[in-house]
Protein backbone atom coordinates (compact mmCIF):
# COMPACT_ATOMS: atom_id res chain seq x y z
CA MET A 1 -17.33 -20.99 -11.64
CA GLU A 2 -16.42 -18.97 -14.62
CA PHE A 3 -16.87 -15.56 -12.77
CA LEU A 4 -14.41 -16.99 -9.84
CA CYS A 5 -12.04 -18.01 -11.97
CA GLU A 6 -11.94 -14.54 -13.93
CA MET A 7 -11.67 -12.72 -10.12
CA LYS A 8 -9.06 -15.08 -9.26
CA GLU A 9 -7.18 -14.10 -12.34
CA LYS A 10 -7.93 -10.58 -11.88
CA SER A 11 -6.71 -10.80 -8.48
CA THR A 12 -3.45 -12.33 -9.45
CA GLN A 13 -2.39 -9.90 -12.16
CA ALA A 14 -3.39 -7.33 -9.24
CA HIS A 15 -0.51 -8.95 -6.96
CA ILE A 16 1.87 -8.45 -9.85
CA ALA A 17 1.23 -5.30 -10.09
CA LEU A 18 1.57 -4.24 -6.41
CA LEU A 19 5.07 -6.16 -6.75
CA LEU A 20 6.05 -4.35 -10.09
CA VAL A 21 5.13 -0.68 -8.65
CA ASN A 22 7.83 -1.52 -5.71
CA VAL A 23 10.27 -2.78 -8.22
CA LEU A 24 9.79 0.83 -10.13
CA TYR A 25 10.10 2.34 -7.07
CA GLY A 26 13.32 0.27 -5.76
CA ALA A 27 15.16 1.16 -9.27
CA SER A 28 14.45 4.59 -8.69
CA HIS A 29 16.50 4.85 -5.99
CA VAL A 30 19.30 4.29 -7.77
CA LEU A 31 18.62 5.74 -10.96
CA ALA A 32 17.00 9.21 -10.12
CA LYS A 33 20.06 9.65 -7.55
CA GLY A 34 20.82 13.36 -7.81
CA VAL A 35 18.04 14.89 -9.31
CA MET A 36 16.88 16.76 -6.36
CA PRO A 37 18.04 18.77 -4.83
CA ASP A 38 21.08 19.56 -7.13
CA PHE A 39 18.94 20.74 -10.03
CA LEU A 40 15.14 20.82 -9.05
CA SER A 41 13.88 21.60 -5.67
CA PRO A 42 11.76 19.35 -4.07
CA THR A 43 8.51 21.20 -4.98
CA VAL A 44 9.78 21.45 -8.46
CA PHE A 45 10.36 18.17 -8.47
CA ILE A 46 6.85 17.23 -7.46
CA LEU A 47 5.10 20.03 -10.18
CA PHE A 48 7.05 18.02 -12.66
CA ARG A 49 6.03 14.29 -11.59
CA ALA A 50 2.36 15.53 -10.99
CA ALA A 51 1.97 17.56 -14.60
CA GLY A 52 3.88 14.74 -16.32
CA ALA A 53 1.71 12.30 -14.95
CA THR A 54 -1.67 13.85 -15.46
CA LEU A 55 -0.92 14.83 -19.16
CA LEU A 56 -0.08 10.73 -19.68
CA PHE A 57 -3.08 9.78 -17.97
CA TRP A 58 -5.54 11.98 -19.97
CA ILE A 59 -3.96 10.24 -22.89
CA VAL A 60 -4.88 7.28 -21.89
CA LEU A 61 -7.94 8.33 -20.77
CA SER A 62 -8.98 9.56 -24.02
CA MET A 63 -8.46 6.02 -25.52
CA SER A 64 -10.65 4.59 -22.86
CA LYS A 65 -14.09 3.89 -21.79
CA ARG A 66 -15.54 6.09 -19.71
CA SER A 67 -18.46 5.94 -17.07
CA LYS A 68 -20.55 9.03 -15.86
CA ILE A 69 -19.55 10.20 -12.60
CA GLU A 70 -21.81 11.17 -9.74
CA GLY A 71 -20.96 15.00 -8.35
CA LYS A 72 -20.24 13.14 -4.81
CA ASP A 73 -17.85 11.28 -6.17
CA PHE A 74 -15.80 14.65 -7.85
CA LEU A 75 -15.38 15.42 -3.84
CA LEU A 76 -14.11 12.11 -3.16
CA MET A 77 -11.81 12.07 -5.80
CA ALA A 78 -10.70 15.97 -5.25
CA VAL A 79 -9.57 14.77 -1.25
CA CYS A 80 -7.76 11.84 -2.65
CA GLY A 81 -6.12 14.37 -4.77
CA LEU A 82 -5.23 16.03 -1.80
CA PHE A 83 -4.14 13.13 0.30
CA GLY A 84 -2.58 10.85 -2.32
CA VAL A 85 -0.99 13.57 -4.60
CA ALA A 86 -0.55 17.18 -2.99
CA ILE A 87 0.17 16.41 0.69
CA ASN A 88 2.10 12.87 0.09
CA GLN A 89 4.47 13.62 -2.24
CA LEU A 90 5.01 17.56 -0.68
CA PHE A 91 5.41 15.88 3.09
CA PHE A 92 7.42 13.24 1.56
CA PHE A 93 10.36 15.30 -0.41
CA HIS A 94 10.39 17.77 2.08
CA GLY A 95 10.64 15.28 5.26
CA LEU A 96 13.62 13.44 3.65
CA ASN A 97 15.41 16.50 2.69
CA LEU A 98 15.06 17.70 6.11
CA SER A 99 15.33 13.95 7.54
CA SER A 100 17.15 10.63 6.70
CA ALA A 101 16.86 7.80 4.40
CA PHE A 102 16.98 5.88 7.39
CA ASN A 103 13.81 7.22 9.52
CA SER A 104 12.10 7.34 6.21
CA GLY A 105 12.24 3.82 6.00
CA ILE A 106 10.81 3.43 9.54
CA ILE A 107 8.52 5.49 9.19
CA MET A 108 7.35 3.93 6.07
CA ALA A 109 6.73 0.92 7.70
CA LEU A 110 3.82 2.98 9.60
CA ASN A 111 2.05 2.76 6.65
CA PRO A 112 0.20 -0.38 6.39
CA ILE A 113 -0.95 -0.01 9.93
CA ILE A 114 -2.64 2.92 9.23
CA VAL A 115 -4.17 1.48 6.76
CA VAL A 116 -5.18 -1.57 8.59
CA ILE A 117 -6.68 0.54 11.81
CA LEU A 118 -8.61 3.38 8.66
CA SER A 119 -10.02 0.12 7.08
CA PHE A 120 -11.71 -1.25 10.41
CA PHE A 121 -13.35 1.71 11.27
CA LEU A 122 -14.32 3.05 7.26
CA LEU A 123 -14.31 0.24 5.33
CA LYS A 124 -15.44 -2.42 7.60
CA GLU A 125 -12.65 -4.72 6.92
CA ARG A 126 -11.83 -7.66 8.97
CA LEU A 127 -9.05 -8.28 11.32
CA THR A 128 -8.01 -11.78 11.18
CA ALA A 129 -5.06 -13.30 12.83
CA PHE A 130 -3.15 -13.75 9.94
CA LYS A 131 -3.98 -10.49 8.60
CA LEU A 132 -2.28 -8.55 12.22
CA THR A 133 0.39 -11.04 11.86
CA GLY A 134 1.62 -10.90 8.38
CA ILE A 135 1.63 -6.97 8.95
CA THR A 136 3.53 -7.54 12.18
CA LEU A 137 6.08 -9.17 10.59
CA GLY A 138 6.30 -7.05 7.63
CA ALA A 139 6.93 -4.12 9.97
CA ALA A 140 9.14 -5.67 11.75
CA GLY A 141 11.17 -7.04 8.54
CA ALA A 142 11.46 -2.98 7.32
CA VAL A 143 12.52 -1.98 10.34
CA LEU A 144 15.19 -4.19 11.34
CA LEU A 145 16.31 -4.20 7.41
CA THR A 146 16.20 -0.54 7.09
CA LEU A 147 18.22 0.26 11.07
CA LYS A 148 20.90 -2.44 9.67
CA ALA A 149 21.18 -0.47 6.30
CA SER A 150 21.41 2.75 7.73
CA THR A 151 24.31 5.50 9.07
CA GLY A 152 21.61 7.52 11.11
CA MET A 153 22.96 10.86 9.96
CA GLY A 154 20.44 13.76 8.84
CA ASP A 155 17.92 13.04 11.45
CA SER A 156 15.41 16.06 12.23
CA ARG A 157 12.19 15.83 14.35
CA LEU A 158 10.50 18.08 11.88
CA GLY A 159 11.65 16.38 8.81
CA ASP A 160 10.45 12.94 11.16
CA LEU A 161 6.71 14.64 11.57
CA PHE A 162 6.54 15.47 7.47
CA LEU A 163 7.58 11.60 6.76
CA PHE A 164 4.85 10.43 9.22
CA ILE A 165 2.17 12.90 7.69
CA ASN A 166 3.26 11.55 4.91
CA ALA A 167 2.51 7.99 5.54
CA LEU A 168 -0.70 9.22 7.23
CA SER A 169 -1.82 10.75 4.14
CA TYR A 170 -1.37 8.02 1.93
CA ALA A 171 -2.84 5.51 4.02
CA ILE A 172 -6.09 7.79 3.80
CA TYR A 173 -5.90 7.72 0.18
CA LEU A 174 -5.49 4.20 0.10
CA VAL A 175 -8.77 3.71 2.12
CA LEU A 176 -10.80 6.63 0.86
CA ALA A 177 -9.88 5.29 -2.91
CA LYS A 178 -11.00 1.78 -2.48
CA PRO A 179 -14.93 2.82 -2.88
CA LEU A 180 -14.54 4.61 -6.00
CA MET A 181 -12.97 1.61 -7.60
CA LYS A 182 -16.09 -0.33 -7.35
CA LYS A 183 -17.98 2.34 -9.58
CA TYR A 184 -15.66 3.38 -11.69
CA SER A 185 -12.67 2.06 -13.92
CA PRO A 186 -9.11 2.57 -12.66
CA ILE A 187 -7.95 4.99 -15.45
CA GLN A 188 -10.88 7.01 -15.14
CA VAL A 189 -9.94 7.32 -11.03
CA ILE A 190 -6.44 8.15 -10.83
CA THR A 191 -6.69 10.93 -13.78
CA TRP A 192 -9.31 12.73 -11.62
CA VAL A 193 -7.40 12.50 -8.49
CA PHE A 194 -4.22 13.53 -10.27
CA THR A 195 -5.85 16.48 -11.48
CA PHE A 196 -7.07 17.57 -8.20
CA GLY A 197 -3.92 16.95 -7.08
CA LEU A 198 -2.03 18.35 -9.82
CA LEU A 199 -3.97 22.09 -9.05
CA PHE A 200 -3.37 21.83 -4.95
CA VAL A 201 0.34 21.27 -5.68
CA LEU A 202 -0.11 24.75 -8.04
CA LEU A 203 -1.80 26.26 -5.28
CA PHE A 204 1.12 25.42 -3.11
CA PRO A 205 2.90 29.24 -2.66
CA PRO A 206 6.59 28.16 -2.78
CA THR A 207 5.84 26.24 -5.95
CA LEU A 208 5.49 29.20 -9.21
CA GLN A 209 8.08 31.30 -7.10
CA GLU A 210 10.55 27.97 -7.05
CA LEU A 211 9.60 27.08 -10.94
CA ALA A 212 10.45 30.75 -11.79
CA GLN A 213 14.12 30.39 -9.78
CA THR A 214 14.76 26.54 -11.24
CA ASP A 215 18.03 27.13 -14.07
CA PHE A 216 17.28 25.14 -16.41
CA GLY A 217 20.09 25.73 -18.35
CA ARG A 218 22.45 23.47 -15.91
CA ILE A 219 20.15 20.49 -16.34
CA SER A 220 21.89 17.64 -18.74
CA ASN A 221 20.66 15.49 -20.71
CA VAL A 222 21.36 12.36 -18.39
CA ILE A 223 19.17 14.48 -15.73
CA TRP A 224 16.43 14.99 -18.11
CA MET A 225 16.24 11.14 -18.99
CA LYS A 226 16.09 10.92 -15.01
CA ILE A 227 13.32 13.00 -14.32
CA SER A 228 11.51 11.23 -17.24
CA TYR A 229 11.85 8.07 -15.34
CA VAL A 230 10.52 9.53 -12.40
CA ILE A 231 7.59 11.22 -14.01
CA ILE A 232 6.93 7.89 -16.18
CA GLY A 233 8.09 4.75 -14.35
CA VAL A 234 7.87 6.25 -10.35
CA THR A 235 4.77 8.35 -10.62
CA PHE A 236 2.14 7.32 -13.87
CA LEU A 237 2.91 3.51 -13.98
CA THR A 238 2.96 3.43 -10.24
CA TYR A 239 -0.17 5.13 -9.58
CA LEU A 240 -2.05 3.34 -12.47
CA LEU A 241 -0.61 0.01 -11.28
CA THR A 242 -1.58 0.91 -7.59
CA ILE A 243 -5.00 1.78 -7.98
CA PHE A 244 -5.46 -1.12 -10.52
CA GLY A 245 -4.56 -3.33 -7.66
CA LEU A 246 -6.52 -1.92 -5.17
CA LYS A 247 -9.34 -2.75 -7.17
CA TYR A 248 -9.39 -6.41 -6.81
CA LEU A 249 -7.56 -6.30 -3.51
CA SER A 250 -8.05 -4.58 -0.39
CA ALA A 251 -6.78 -1.49 1.15
CA THR A 252 -4.75 -3.30 3.78
CA ILE A 253 -3.03 -5.88 1.09
CA SER A 254 -2.36 -2.60 -1.35
CA SER A 255 -0.54 -1.18 1.24
CA ALA A 256 1.23 -4.03 2.87
CA TYR A 257 3.62 -4.44 -0.32
CA ILE A 258 5.10 -0.79 0.74
CA TYR A 259 7.36 -3.52 3.00
CA THR A 260 9.07 -4.99 -0.09
CA GLN A 261 10.63 -1.26 -1.17
CA PRO A 262 13.41 -1.88 1.11
CA VAL A 263 14.02 -5.39 -0.70
CA MET A 264 13.70 -3.75 -4.00
CA VAL A 265 16.60 -0.87 -3.02
CA MET A 266 18.89 -3.33 -2.12
CA LEU A 267 18.59 -6.14 -5.09
CA PHE A 268 19.05 -2.99 -7.40
CA THR A 269 21.66 -1.66 -5.52
CA PHE A 270 23.49 -4.70 -5.97
CA LEU A 271 22.44 -5.04 -9.71
CA PHE A 272 23.25 -1.86 -10.62
CA ALA A 273 26.58 -2.23 -9.05
CA TYR A 274 27.46 -5.37 -10.67
CA ILE A 275 27.27 -4.00 -14.29
CA GLY A 276 28.39 -0.62 -13.24
CA TRP A 277 25.53 1.62 -13.20
CA SER A 278 26.20 2.94 -9.13
CA ASP A 279 28.78 2.55 -6.28
CA ASP A 280 29.73 -0.71 -5.04
CA TYR A 281 27.56 -1.65 -2.22
CA ARG A 282 27.22 -5.53 -2.87
CA HIS A 283 29.76 -6.07 0.40
CA THR A 284 26.99 -4.37 2.57
CA ILE A 285 24.78 -7.36 1.65
CA ASN A 286 24.76 -10.38 4.10
CA ALA A 287 23.27 -13.15 5.20
CA GLU A 288 21.14 -11.28 8.38
CA LYS A 289 20.07 -8.69 5.59
CA ILE A 290 18.71 -11.87 3.73
CA LEU A 291 16.93 -13.10 6.32
CA TYR A 292 14.74 -9.91 7.26
CA MET A 293 14.05 -9.76 3.30
CA PHE A 294 12.18 -13.23 3.90
CA VAL A 295 10.53 -11.52 7.25
CA ILE A 296 9.01 -9.11 5.02
CA PHE A 297 7.76 -11.47 2.05
CA THR A 298 6.22 -14.14 4.57
CA GLY A 299 4.35 -11.05 5.85
CA VAL A 300 3.41 -9.63 2.74
CA TYR A 301 2.00 -13.21 2.45
CA LEU A 302 0.00 -14.06 5.46
CA THR A 303 -1.44 -10.34 4.53
CA SER A 304 -2.67 -11.25 1.45
CA LYS A 305 -3.28 -15.22 2.16
CA SER A 306 -5.87 -13.41 5.35
CA THR A 307 -7.78 -11.76 2.22
CA SER A 308 -8.55 -14.45 0.08
CA LYS A 309 -9.78 -16.63 2.87
CA GLN A 310 -12.18 -13.75 3.46
């Protein structure tokens, strides 16, 4: 009984962690605006994120208990680093540069669907009516909200392809990382995943060349603060919280929280406009968008509810 209560408490903490991940992502759309490509190229920005987060992970790991990692698991962590850090971030930022935030929001909705399919075949997760209904509602809400909020400008087939590869790679990462969580602590897994991911980013041919071409003298203190937020909040904390959530919840639930990102972006846009931190887009929020937000959260709830009954 005590064990069940402890697991229920951990499950609740995992849900809160995953929601917080998307709060941090949502705030970044406003707080980190203007960094890329004006001051840093997409590749250099990714290098900063990977290097800064890796350093922070190793600092935390040095103060934590560690288990001995089996040789075969190092290989799996390297694959997770390739898909979850290098391919995921490189294709996302380069795809966003070529495409639009509109297309990104639509393609992002594919991620939990891909995770459901991969989890069914690789992790043997059961497909329930609740889970399928929740994923469908979440995807529909995210797509409709993105359609409603978008100008539809900046489309590119190559950019869309990059964004799809991003969604696919992150789904592969979530599914492959799940078995590691049964054997090791979240901080131990994510530290090695990012260490390998940073190595792959450094091996990407344009990285060092674009780093050498960066004019750091143009970067103001405000921009450095934005870069720091992205490294600490949107990279270090989000990946750590995600891997913690993945330890106690299924890969499907972890990915379903992605659907809350458009909601968080809209809420933070409203909040920051109200306090004068960004342009005022409050007039763009209406009853229809609020309805889509409700549909998204209903989808996430049904997805999580289905797993808790299994």
